[in-house]
Amino acid sequence: MADLVHVTVDGQTLSVPVFTTVAAAIAMRGIGGTRRSVSGEPRAALCGMGVCHECRVKVDGRAHVLGCQTLCRDGLSIETMR
């Protein structure tokens, strides 16, 4: 079994395999989007390589972090902007 790290997504603890991206952890959690568009529609990771910026989240208090480019580590706090 792979080693796990424990992260918090919107206040709920989640255990994910090491080397999991924040965007993948959010998808594993079943959250339908990471933020809302100006018209209120949910937005989520689209390209998976840091080009579209649709996966932006707050990580450890830092806003607008690209979830698809950030690896989870023990104790990481992730907040979606939805």
N, C-alpha and C. Protein backbone atom coordinates (compact mmCIF):
# COMPACT_ATOMS: atom_id res chain seq x y z
N MET A 1 0.85 -1.19 0.00
CA MET A 1 0.00 0.00 0.00
C MET A 1 0.89 1.25 0.00
N ALA A 2 0.48 2.23 -0.77
CA ALA A 2 1.26 3.47 -0.88
C ALA A 2 1.23 4.24 0.43
N ASP A 3 2.29 4.99 0.67
CA ASP A 3 2.31 5.88 1.82
C ASP A 3 1.26 6.96 1.61
N LEU A 4 0.66 7.39 2.72
CA LEU A 4 -0.39 8.40 2.65
C LEU A 4 0.05 9.69 3.32
N VAL A 5 -0.49 10.80 2.86
CA VAL A 5 -0.37 12.08 3.54
C VAL A 5 -1.77 12.53 3.89
N HIS A 6 -1.86 13.36 4.92
CA HIS A 6 -3.17 13.81 5.41
C HIS A 6 -3.28 15.31 5.18
N VAL A 7 -4.31 15.70 4.45
CA VAL A 7 -4.56 17.11 4.14
C VAL A 7 -5.96 17.47 4.61
N THR A 8 -6.20 18.75 4.71
CA THR A 8 -7.53 19.25 5.07
C THR A 8 -8.09 20.00 3.87
N VAL A 9 -9.27 19.59 3.42
CA VAL A 9 -9.94 20.25 2.30
C VAL A 9 -11.24 20.84 2.82
N ASP A 10 -11.32 22.15 2.83
CA ASP A 10 -12.51 22.85 3.34
C ASP A 10 -12.91 22.35 4.72
N GLY A 11 -11.91 22.14 5.59
CA GLY A 11 -12.16 21.76 6.97
C GLY A 11 -12.30 20.28 7.23
N GLN A 12 -12.28 19.45 6.21
CA GLN A 12 -12.41 18.01 6.39
C GLN A 12 -11.11 17.31 6.03
N THR A 13 -10.66 16.41 6.91
CA THR A 13 -9.41 15.69 6.69
C THR A 13 -9.58 14.63 5.62
N LEU A 14 -8.56 14.52 4.80
CA LEU A 14 -8.55 13.56 3.70
C LEU A 14 -7.17 12.93 3.64
N SER A 15 -7.11 11.61 3.48
CA SER A 15 -5.84 10.91 3.32
C SER A 15 -5.68 10.55 1.85
N VAL A 16 -4.54 10.93 1.28
CA VAL A 16 -4.27 10.67 -0.14
C VAL A 16 -2.87 10.10 -0.29
N PRO A 17 -2.62 9.36 -1.36
CA PRO A 17 -1.27 8.85 -1.59
C PRO A 17 -0.26 9.99 -1.78
N VAL A 18 0.99 9.75 -1.37
CA VAL A 18 2.04 10.76 -1.61
C VAL A 18 2.12 11.04 -3.10
N PHE A 19 2.55 12.23 -3.44
CA PHE A 19 2.68 12.71 -4.82
C PHE A 19 1.33 12.97 -5.49
N THR A 20 0.25 13.05 -4.72
CA THR A 20 -1.05 13.43 -5.25
C THR A 20 -1.09 14.96 -5.35
N THR A 21 -1.59 15.47 -6.45
CA THR A 21 -1.72 16.93 -6.56
C THR A 21 -2.94 17.39 -5.77
N VAL A 22 -2.94 18.66 -5.44
CA VAL A 22 -4.08 19.26 -4.74
C VAL A 22 -5.35 19.10 -5.58
N ALA A 23 -5.26 19.32 -6.89
CA ALA A 23 -6.43 19.19 -7.77
C ALA A 23 -6.97 17.76 -7.72
N ALA A 24 -6.08 16.77 -7.71
CA ALA A 24 -6.53 15.37 -7.64
C ALA A 24 -7.16 15.08 -6.29
N ALA A 25 -6.61 15.62 -5.22
CA ALA A 25 -7.18 15.41 -3.89
C ALA A 25 -8.59 15.99 -3.82
N ILE A 26 -8.78 17.15 -4.41
CA ILE A 26 -10.11 17.78 -4.43
C ILE A 26 -11.08 16.91 -5.23
N ALA A 27 -10.62 16.37 -6.34
CA ALA A 27 -11.47 15.48 -7.14
C ALA A 27 -11.80 14.21 -6.36
N MET A 28 -10.82 13.66 -5.64
CA MET A 28 -11.07 12.46 -4.82
C MET A 28 -12.11 12.74 -3.74
N ARG A 29 -12.13 13.95 -3.26
CA ARG A 29 -13.07 14.35 -2.21
C ARG A 29 -14.48 14.52 -2.77
N GLY A 30 -14.58 14.59 -4.10
CA GLY A 30 -15.90 14.70 -4.72
C GLY A 30 -16.45 16.11 -4.81
N ILE A 31 -15.57 17.08 -4.66
CA ILE A 31 -16.00 18.47 -4.76
C ILE A 31 -16.15 18.82 -6.24
N GLY A 32 -17.29 19.38 -6.61
CA GLY A 32 -17.59 19.65 -8.01
C GLY A 32 -16.88 20.84 -8.62
N GLY A 33 -16.22 21.64 -7.83
CA GLY A 33 -15.51 22.80 -8.35
C GLY A 33 -14.62 23.40 -7.28
N THR A 34 -13.64 24.15 -7.72
CA THR A 34 -12.72 24.77 -6.77
C THR A 34 -13.03 26.24 -6.54
N ARG A 35 -13.79 26.82 -7.45
CA ARG A 35 -14.14 28.23 -7.34
C ARG A 35 -15.38 28.50 -8.18
N ARG A 36 -15.87 29.73 -8.16
CA ARG A 36 -17.04 30.11 -8.96
C ARG A 36 -16.65 31.18 -9.97
N SER A 37 -17.26 31.10 -11.14
CA SER A 37 -17.02 32.13 -12.15
C SER A 37 -17.76 33.39 -11.76
N VAL A 38 -17.57 34.47 -12.51
CA VAL A 38 -18.26 35.72 -12.21
C VAL A 38 -19.77 35.57 -12.31
N SER A 39 -20.23 34.60 -13.11
CA SER A 39 -21.67 34.37 -13.23
C SER A 39 -22.20 33.35 -12.22
N GLY A 40 -21.29 32.83 -11.36
CA GLY A 40 -21.71 31.91 -10.31
C GLY A 40 -21.60 30.43 -10.64
N GLU A 41 -21.10 30.11 -11.83
CA GLU A 41 -20.95 28.71 -12.24
C GLU A 41 -19.72 28.09 -11.57
N PRO A 42 -19.81 26.81 -11.17
CA PRO A 42 -18.64 26.16 -10.58
C PRO A 42 -17.53 25.96 -11.62
N ARG A 43 -16.30 26.17 -11.21
CA ARG A 43 -15.14 25.99 -12.07
C ARG A 43 -14.23 24.96 -11.42
N ALA A 44 -13.53 24.17 -12.22
CA ALA A 44 -12.62 23.15 -11.70
C ALA A 44 -11.45 22.97 -12.65
N ALA A 45 -10.49 22.15 -12.23
CA ALA A 45 -9.31 21.89 -13.07
C ALA A 45 -9.75 21.45 -14.46
N LEU A 46 -9.11 22.01 -15.47
CA LEU A 46 -9.46 21.69 -16.84
C LEU A 46 -8.27 21.09 -17.59
N CYS A 47 -7.16 21.81 -17.62
CA CYS A 47 -6.02 21.35 -18.43
C CYS A 47 -5.11 20.40 -17.67
N GLY A 48 -5.00 20.56 -16.36
CA GLY A 48 -4.13 19.70 -15.56
C GLY A 48 -2.65 19.99 -15.70
N MET A 49 -2.29 21.10 -16.34
CA MET A 49 -0.86 21.41 -16.50
C MET A 49 -0.53 22.88 -16.24
N GLY A 50 -1.41 23.59 -15.57
CA GLY A 50 -1.12 24.95 -15.13
C GLY A 50 -1.34 26.05 -16.14
N VAL A 51 -2.02 25.76 -17.25
CA VAL A 51 -2.24 26.76 -18.28
C VAL A 51 -3.56 27.50 -18.07
N CYS A 52 -4.62 26.78 -17.72
CA CYS A 52 -5.96 27.37 -17.69
C CYS A 52 -6.26 28.14 -16.40
N HIS A 53 -5.59 27.85 -15.32
CA HIS A 53 -5.77 28.50 -14.01
C HIS A 53 -7.16 28.27 -13.40
N GLU A 54 -7.88 27.28 -13.88
CA GLU A 54 -9.21 26.97 -13.35
C GLU A 54 -9.14 26.24 -12.00
N CYS A 55 -7.98 25.74 -11.63
CA CYS A 55 -7.84 24.94 -10.41
C CYS A 55 -7.36 25.78 -9.23
N ARG A 56 -7.43 27.10 -9.32
CA ARG A 56 -6.91 27.95 -8.24
C ARG A 56 -7.64 27.71 -6.93
N VAL A 57 -6.84 27.57 -5.87
CA VAL A 57 -7.35 27.35 -4.52
C VAL A 57 -6.47 28.13 -3.54
N LYS A 58 -6.90 28.16 -2.29
CA LYS A 58 -6.08 28.74 -1.23
C LYS A 58 -5.38 27.59 -0.53
N VAL A 59 -4.05 27.65 -0.44
CA VAL A 59 -3.25 26.60 0.20
C VAL A 59 -2.46 27.23 1.34
N ASP A 60 -2.68 26.73 2.54
CA ASP A 60 -2.01 27.26 3.74
C ASP A 60 -2.11 28.78 3.82
N GLY A 61 -3.30 29.30 3.48
CA GLY A 61 -3.56 30.73 3.58
C GLY A 61 -3.13 31.55 2.38
N ARG A 62 -2.48 30.94 1.42
CA ARG A 62 -2.02 31.66 0.22
C ARG A 62 -3.03 31.47 -0.91
N ALA A 63 -3.60 32.55 -1.38
CA ALA A 63 -4.64 32.50 -2.41
C ALA A 63 -4.06 32.28 -3.81
N HIS A 64 -4.90 31.78 -4.69
CA HIS A 64 -4.63 31.64 -6.12
C HIS A 64 -3.47 30.68 -6.44
N VAL A 65 -3.34 29.63 -5.63
CA VAL A 65 -2.35 28.59 -5.89
C VAL A 65 -2.93 27.62 -6.91
N LEU A 66 -2.14 27.22 -7.89
CA LEU A 66 -2.60 26.27 -8.90
C LEU A 66 -2.59 24.86 -8.30
N GLY A 67 -3.78 24.30 -8.12
CA GLY A 67 -3.93 22.98 -7.52
C GLY A 67 -3.31 21.86 -8.33
N CYS A 68 -3.30 22.01 -9.64
CA CYS A 68 -2.75 20.95 -10.49
C CYS A 68 -1.23 20.92 -10.47
N GLN A 69 -0.61 21.97 -9.96
CA GLN A 69 0.85 22.06 -9.92
C GLN A 69 1.41 21.94 -8.51
N THR A 70 0.55 21.69 -7.52
CA THR A 70 0.95 21.65 -6.13
C THR A 70 0.74 20.25 -5.57
N LEU A 71 1.80 19.67 -5.00
CA LEU A 71 1.70 18.34 -4.41
C LEU A 71 1.22 18.43 -2.97
N CYS A 72 0.42 17.47 -2.58
CA CYS A 72 -0.05 17.39 -1.20
C CYS A 72 1.10 16.96 -0.30
N ARG A 73 1.09 17.46 0.92
CA ARG A 73 2.03 17.05 1.95
C ARG A 73 1.28 17.02 3.28
N ASP A 74 1.81 16.30 4.23
CA ASP A 74 1.14 16.19 5.53
C ASP A 74 0.83 17.56 6.12
N GLY A 75 -0.41 17.72 6.57
CA GLY A 75 -0.83 18.94 7.24
C GLY A 75 -1.25 20.07 6.34
N LEU A 76 -1.22 19.88 5.03
CA LEU A 76 -1.58 20.93 4.09
C LEU A 76 -3.05 21.32 4.27
N SER A 77 -3.32 22.62 4.29
CA SER A 77 -4.68 23.13 4.42
C SER A 77 -5.11 23.71 3.08
N ILE A 78 -6.18 23.15 2.51
CA ILE A 78 -6.67 23.55 1.20
C ILE A 78 -8.07 24.14 1.36
N GLU A 79 -8.30 25.31 0.79
CA GLU A 79 -9.63 25.92 0.81
C GLU A 79 -10.05 26.19 -0.63
N THR A 80 -11.19 25.66 -1.00
CA THR A 80 -11.72 25.99 -2.31
C THR A 80 -12.40 27.35 -2.20
N MET A 81 -12.55 28.01 -3.32
CA MET A 81 -13.14 29.34 -3.33
C MET A 81 -14.53 29.29 -3.95
N ARG A 82 -15.33 28.33 -3.50
CA ARG A 82 -16.63 28.16 -4.13
C ARG A 82 -17.74 28.73 -3.33
